[in-house]
Amino acid sequence: MLTSTPPYRLHAFLCVSLAALVGGACAPADNGDDGPPLDLHLTWEEEDDGGNEHASNAEEVDVLWQRSVTISGEMNSCGYDGTAGGWPWTGDNDNYRVEVPEEGYVDVLLDWDSSSDLDLMIYFEPPGSTAEPDWSSNSSSTSGGEDYLFDEMLSRGDDIVIGVACATGASDDYTLLVNWET
């Protein structure tokens, strides 16, 4: 007596076999060197306070980041003259160039813990030497917590420049938290 496999079992067997074959053929080769895992959050310390005064000379934040990076910096002097025409911040200015890791949305949070008045500045593209920021908080806030959310999706490799200026108060430490998400 001959027995045959029911057609639904044969169909299921073929589907599973095909999926295993295709999946196995597309799997990456394991050469044993996957490298270190990429951190989801990194920290960057300001390296050259004298060399990042202008947005056109922004300090490059050259770390491979995926979700967020915290930039730690320091203001050495504060000053603001809104009557002088042109650039009103006469104290220390710090600027950082950040490359967007993947297509998605970016938001930036400036935070500090003193009575100084720090201002957040955003340049959508790396500016020339006389460019004004595309956006600045320029408020008289003397407590930390100024932020900017890019309302347009940015592309992988886009450069943005983030600036911090001190309008009034004493020298101060600050952090910039740059978040990225899809």
C-alpha atoms as a PDB file:
ATOM      1  CA  MET A   1       0.000   0.000   0.000  1.00  0.00           C
ATOM      2  CA  LEU A   2       1.381   3.331  -1.039  1.00  0.00           C
ATOM      3  CA  THR A   3       0.847   6.282   1.190  1.00  0.00           C
ATOM      4  CA  SER A   4       1.271   9.829   0.095  1.00  0.00           C
ATOM      5  CA  THR A   5       1.955  12.988   2.023  1.00  0.00           C
ATOM      6  CA  PRO A   6      -1.093  15.232   2.256  1.00  0.00           C
ATOM      7  CA  PRO A   7      -0.673  18.242  -0.084  1.00  0.00           C
ATOM      8  CA  TYR A   8      -0.915  20.828   2.723  1.00  0.00           C
ATOM      9  CA  ARG A   9       2.056  19.233   4.542  1.00  0.00           C
ATOM     10  CA  LEU A  10       4.151  19.226   1.396  1.00  0.00           C
ATOM     11  CA  HIS A  11       3.271  22.870   0.775  1.00  0.00           C
ATOM     12  CA  ALA A  12       4.225  23.829   4.351  1.00  0.00           C
ATOM     13  CA  PHE A  13       7.494  21.862   4.089  1.00  0.00           C
ATOM     14  CA  LEU A  14       8.418  23.607   0.844  1.00  0.00           C
ATOM     15  CA  CYS A  15       7.623  27.072   2.270  1.00  0.00           C
ATOM     16  CA  VAL A  16       9.758  26.479   5.372  1.00  0.00           C
ATOM     17  CA  SER A  17      12.607  25.035   3.310  1.00  0.00           C
ATOM     18  CA  LEU A  18      12.543  27.942   0.878  1.00  0.00           C
ATOM     19  CA  ALA A  19      12.523  30.496   3.716  1.00  0.00           C
ATOM     20  CA  ALA A  20      15.487  28.767   5.375  1.00  0.00           C
ATOM     21  CA  LEU A  21      17.379  28.605   2.091  1.00  0.00           C
ATOM     22  CA  VAL A  22      16.773  32.273   1.206  1.00  0.00           C
ATOM     23  CA  GLY A  23      17.407  33.450   4.763  1.00  0.00           C
ATOM     24  CA  GLY A  24      20.633  31.462   4.979  1.00  0.00           C
ATOM     25  CA  ALA A  25      21.848  32.788   1.647  1.00  0.00           C
ATOM     26  CA  CYS A  26      21.264  36.387   2.703  1.00  0.00           C
ATOM     27  CA  ALA A  27      22.762  36.132   6.155  1.00  0.00           C
ATOM     28  CA  PRO A  28      26.034  38.064   6.560  1.00  0.00           C
ATOM     29  CA  ALA A  29      29.186  36.045   6.822  1.00  0.00           C
ATOM     30  CA  ASP A  30      30.425  35.754  10.388  1.00  0.00           C
ATOM     31  CA  ASN A  31      34.105  36.555  10.374  1.00  0.00           C
ATOM     32  CA  GLY A  32      34.233  36.714  14.182  1.00  0.00           C
ATOM     33  CA  ASP A  33      34.997  40.475  14.271  1.00  0.00           C
ATOM     34  CA  ASP A  34      31.790  42.414  14.829  1.00  0.00           C
ATOM     35  CA  GLY A  35      33.667  45.320  16.431  1.00  0.00           C
ATOM     36  CA  PRO A  36      32.554  47.135  19.527  1.00  0.00           C
ATOM     37  CA  PRO A  37      28.876  48.009  19.846  1.00  0.00           C
ATOM     38  CA  LEU A  38      28.038  51.609  19.016  1.00  0.00           C
ATOM     39  CA  ASP A  39      27.013  53.587  22.108  1.00  0.00           C
ATOM     40  CA  LEU A  40      23.530  55.078  21.960  1.00  0.00           C
ATOM     41  CA  HIS A  41      24.644  58.083  24.035  1.00  0.00           C
ATOM     42  CA  LEU A  42      28.065  59.720  23.943  1.00  0.00           C
ATOM     43  CA  THR A  43      29.686  62.723  25.621  1.00  0.00           C
ATOM     44  CA  TRP A  44      31.903  65.296  23.914  1.00  0.00           C
ATOM     45  CA  GLU A  45      34.118  67.767  25.808  1.00  0.00           C
ATOM     46  CA  GLU A  46      34.851  71.170  24.284  1.00  0.00           C
ATOM     47  CA  GLU A  47      38.469  70.960  23.125  1.00  0.00           C
ATOM     48  CA  ASP A  48      39.413  74.434  21.922  1.00  0.00           C
ATOM     49  CA  ASP A  49      37.532  77.310  23.535  1.00  0.00           C
ATOM     50  CA  GLY A  50      39.549  79.930  21.646  1.00  0.00           C
ATOM     51  CA  GLY A  51      39.137  78.306  18.232  1.00  0.00           C
ATOM     52  CA  ASN A  52      35.357  77.982  18.050  1.00  0.00           C
ATOM     53  CA  GLU A  53      34.334  81.631  18.540  1.00  0.00           C
ATOM     54  CA  HIS A  54      32.704  81.953  15.116  1.00  0.00           C
ATOM     55  CA  ALA A  55      30.170  79.647  13.525  1.00  0.00           C
ATOM     56  CA  SER A  56      32.395  79.359  10.449  1.00  0.00           C
ATOM     57  CA  ASN A  57      35.138  77.911  12.728  1.00  0.00           C
ATOM     58  CA  ALA A  58      32.835  75.604  14.645  1.00  0.00           C
ATOM     59  CA  GLU A  59      34.506  72.784  16.546  1.00  0.00           C
ATOM     60  CA  GLU A  60      33.692  69.479  14.873  1.00  0.00           C
ATOM     61  CA  VAL A  61      32.000  66.981  17.169  1.00  0.00           C
ATOM     62  CA  ASP A  62      33.592  63.948  15.576  1.00  0.00           C
ATOM     63  CA  VAL A  63      32.079  61.021  17.428  1.00  0.00           C
ATOM     64  CA  LEU A  64      29.935  58.245  15.981  1.00  0.00           C
ATOM     65  CA  TRP A  65      26.637  58.710  17.774  1.00  0.00           C
ATOM     66  CA  GLN A  66      23.249  57.120  17.216  1.00  0.00           C
ATOM     67  CA  ARG A  67      20.633  58.510  19.587  1.00  0.00           C
ATOM     68  CA  SER A  68      22.174  61.394  21.518  1.00  0.00           C
ATOM     69  CA  VAL A  69      25.382  63.199  22.301  1.00  0.00           C
ATOM     70  CA  THR A  70      26.026  65.552  25.220  1.00  0.00           C
ATOM     71  CA  ILE A  71      28.477  68.367  24.532  1.00  0.00           C
ATOM     72  CA  SER A  72      30.081  69.869  27.641  1.00  0.00           C
ATOM     73  CA  GLY A  73      31.520  73.364  27.391  1.00  0.00           C
ATOM     74  CA  GLU A  74      32.442  76.465  29.334  1.00  0.00           C
ATOM     75  CA  MET A  75      31.795  80.165  28.871  1.00  0.00           C
ATOM     76  CA  ASN A  76      34.852  82.236  29.833  1.00  0.00           C
ATOM     77  CA  SER A  77      33.254  85.676  29.623  1.00  0.00           C
ATOM     78  CA  CYS A  78      29.846  87.237  29.090  1.00  0.00           C
ATOM     79  CA  GLY A  79      28.712  90.388  27.321  1.00  0.00           C
ATOM     80  CA  TYR A  80      25.898  91.715  25.164  1.00  0.00           C
ATOM     81  CA  ASP A  81      25.479  95.050  23.361  1.00  0.00           C
ATOM     82  CA  GLY A  82      22.207  95.149  21.437  1.00  0.00           C
ATOM     83  CA  THR A  83      22.735  98.805  20.440  1.00  0.00           C
ATOM     84  CA  ALA A  84      25.977  98.337  18.532  1.00  0.00           C
ATOM     85  CA  GLY A  85      24.481  96.904  15.317  1.00  0.00           C
ATOM     86  CA  GLY A  86      25.873  93.674  13.970  1.00  0.00           C
ATOM     87  CA  TRP A  87      26.794  90.831  16.297  1.00  0.00           C
ATOM     88  CA  PRO A  88      25.446  91.708  19.782  1.00  0.00           C
ATOM     89  CA  TRP A  89      27.213  89.026  21.890  1.00  0.00           C
ATOM     90  CA  THR A  90      30.545  90.486  22.975  1.00  0.00           C
ATOM     91  CA  GLY A  91      31.543  87.693  25.366  1.00  0.00           C
ATOM     92  CA  ASP A  92      32.567  84.129  24.723  1.00  0.00           C
ATOM     93  CA  ASN A  93      30.829  82.279  21.882  1.00  0.00           C
ATOM     94  CA  ASP A  94      31.147  78.523  21.406  1.00  0.00           C
ATOM     95  CA  ASN A  95      30.104  76.790  18.187  1.00  0.00           C
ATOM     96  CA  TYR A  96      29.933  73.098  17.354  1.00  0.00           C
ATOM     97  CA  ARG A  97      29.445  71.332  14.032  1.00  0.00           C
ATOM     98  CA  VAL A  98      27.391  68.135  14.374  1.00  0.00           C
ATOM     99  CA  GLU A  99      26.778  65.642  11.571  1.00  0.00           C
ATOM    100  CA  VAL A 100      23.335  64.030  11.527  1.00  0.00           C
ATOM    101  CA  PRO A 101      23.826  60.233  11.885  1.00  0.00           C
ATOM    102  CA  GLU A 102      20.770  59.094   9.905  1.00  0.00           C
ATOM    103  CA  GLU A 103      17.627  60.586   8.410  1.00  0.00           C
ATOM    104  CA  GLY A 104      15.366  61.805  11.195  1.00  0.00           C
ATOM    105  CA  TYR A 105      14.481  64.617  13.537  1.00  0.00           C
ATOM    106  CA  VAL A 106      16.938  66.453  15.783  1.00  0.00           C
ATOM    107  CA  ASP A 107      16.343  68.493  18.881  1.00  0.00           C
ATOM    108  CA  VAL A 108      18.881  70.430  20.938  1.00  0.00           C
ATOM    109  CA  LEU A 109      18.680  71.321  24.626  1.00  0.00           C
ATOM    110  CA  LEU A 110      21.010  73.869  26.253  1.00  0.00           C
ATOM    111  CA  ASP A 111      21.250  73.527  30.027  1.00  0.00           C
ATOM    112  CA  TRP A 112      23.273  75.325  32.706  1.00  0.00           C
ATOM    113  CA  ASP A 113      23.152  75.704  36.457  1.00  0.00           C
ATOM    114  CA  SER A 114      23.830  79.332  37.410  1.00  0.00           C
ATOM    115  CA  SER A 115      22.399  82.821  37.096  1.00  0.00           C
ATOM    116  CA  SER A 116      24.181  83.545  33.796  1.00  0.00           C
ATOM    117  CA  ASP A 117      22.118  84.299  30.678  1.00  0.00           C
ATOM    118  CA  LEU A 118      23.161  81.825  27.996  1.00  0.00           C
ATOM    119  CA  ASP A 119      21.630  81.850  24.542  1.00  0.00           C
ATOM    120  CA  LEU A 120      21.224  78.948  22.110  1.00  0.00           C
ATOM    121  CA  MET A 121      21.894  79.554  18.397  1.00  0.00           C
ATOM    122  CA  ILE A 122      21.134  77.232  15.483  1.00  0.00           C
ATOM    123  CA  TYR A 123      22.589  77.349  11.968  1.00  0.00           C
ATOM    124  CA  PHE A 124      20.803  75.052   9.526  1.00  0.00           C
ATOM    125  CA  GLU A 125      23.888  74.778   7.319  1.00  0.00           C
ATOM    126  CA  PRO A 126      27.498  75.640   8.089  1.00  0.00           C
ATOM    127  CA  PRO A 127      27.636  79.428   7.792  1.00  0.00           C
ATOM    128  CA  GLY A 128      30.182  81.885   6.477  1.00  0.00           C
ATOM    129  CA  SER A 129      32.167  84.143   8.786  1.00  0.00           C
ATOM    130  CA  THR A 130      29.546  86.923   8.985  1.00  0.00           C
ATOM    131  CA  ALA A 131      26.382  84.846   9.098  1.00  0.00           C
ATOM    132  CA  GLU A 132      23.728  85.427  11.709  1.00  0.00           C
ATOM    133  CA  PRO A 133      22.109  82.330  13.200  1.00  0.00           C
ATOM    134  CA  ASP A 134      19.010  80.957  11.490  1.00  0.00           C
ATOM    135  CA  TRP A 135      17.442  80.792  14.946  1.00  0.00           C
ATOM    136  CA  SER A 136      18.480  82.008  18.399  1.00  0.00           C
ATOM    137  CA  SER A 137      16.797  81.907  21.781  1.00  0.00           C
ATOM    138  CA  ASN A 138      18.126  85.367  22.692  1.00  0.00           C
ATOM    139  CA  SER A 139      15.951  85.468  25.773  1.00  0.00           C
ATOM    140  CA  SER A 140      16.801  86.960  29.137  1.00  0.00           C
ATOM    141  CA  SER A 141      16.560  83.624  30.874  1.00  0.00           C
ATOM    142  CA  THR A 142      18.967  83.157  33.752  1.00  0.00           C
ATOM    143  CA  SER A 143      18.092  79.543  34.396  1.00  0.00           C
ATOM    144  CA  GLY A 144      18.977  76.557  32.267  1.00  0.00           C
ATOM    145  CA  GLY A 145      16.722  74.952  29.739  1.00  0.00           C
ATOM    146  CA  GLU A 146      16.530  76.402  26.226  1.00  0.00           C
ATOM    147  CA  ASP A 147      15.723  74.090  23.375  1.00  0.00           C
ATOM    148  CA  TYR A 148      15.149  73.871  19.644  1.00  0.00           C
ATOM    149  CA  LEU A 149      13.362  71.141  17.675  1.00  0.00           C
ATOM    150  CA  PHE A 150      14.078  70.939  13.957  1.00  0.00           C
ATOM    151  CA  ASP A 151      10.601  70.702  12.453  1.00  0.00           C
ATOM    152  CA  GLU A 152      11.926  69.317   9.166  1.00  0.00           C
ATOM    153  CA  MET A 153      13.434  65.862   8.839  1.00  0.00           C
ATOM    154  CA  LEU A 154      17.205  66.064   8.336  1.00  0.00           C
ATOM    155  CA  SER A 155      19.156  63.722   6.068  1.00  0.00           C
ATOM    156  CA  ARG A 156      22.082  61.499   6.917  1.00  0.00           C
ATOM    157  CA  GLY A 157      25.307  63.508   6.689  1.00  0.00           C
ATOM    158  CA  ASP A 158      23.667  66.941   7.037  1.00  0.00           C
ATOM    159  CA  ASP A 159      25.766  69.332   9.101  1.00  0.00           C
ATOM    160  CA  ILE A 160      24.208  71.647  11.629  1.00  0.00           C
ATOM    161  CA  VAL A 161      26.046  74.210  13.723  1.00  0.00           C
ATOM    162  CA  ILE A 162      24.972  74.761  17.302  1.00  0.00           C
ATOM    163  CA  GLY A 163      26.150  77.889  19.085  1.00  0.00           C
ATOM    164  CA  VAL A 164      26.147  79.023  22.697  1.00  0.00           C
ATOM    165  CA  ALA A 165      26.705  82.643  23.705  1.00  0.00           C
ATOM    166  CA  CYS A 166      26.808  84.223  27.149  1.00  0.00           C
ATOM    167  CA  ALA A 167      24.970  87.556  27.355  1.00  0.00           C
ATOM    168  CA  THR A 168      25.262  88.329  31.080  1.00  0.00           C
ATOM    169  CA  GLY A 169      26.594  86.803  34.252  1.00  0.00           C
ATOM    170  CA  ALA A 170      29.751  85.052  35.313  1.00  0.00           C
ATOM    171  CA  SER A 171      31.729  82.357  33.552  1.00  0.00           C
ATOM    172  CA  ASP A 172      29.663  79.207  33.412  1.00  0.00           C
ATOM    173  CA  ASP A 173      29.685  75.529  32.455  1.00  0.00           C
ATOM    174  CA  TYR A 174      26.901  74.219  30.238  1.00  0.00           C
ATOM    175  CA  THR A 175      25.742  71.115  28.410  1.00  0.00           C
ATOM    176  CA  LEU A 176      24.167  70.745  25.007  1.00  0.00           C
ATOM    177  CA  LEU A 177      22.104  67.596  24.581  1.00  0.00           C
ATOM    178  CA  VAL A 178      21.581  66.724  20.903  1.00  0.00           C
ATOM    179  CA  ASN A 179      18.938  64.031  20.329  1.00  0.00           C
ATOM    180  CA  TRP A 180      18.164  62.249  17.101  1.00  0.00           C
ATOM    181  CA  GLU A 181      15.184  60.033  16.316  1.00  0.00           C
ATOM    182  CA  THR A 182      13.333  58.747  13.279  1.00  0.00           C
END
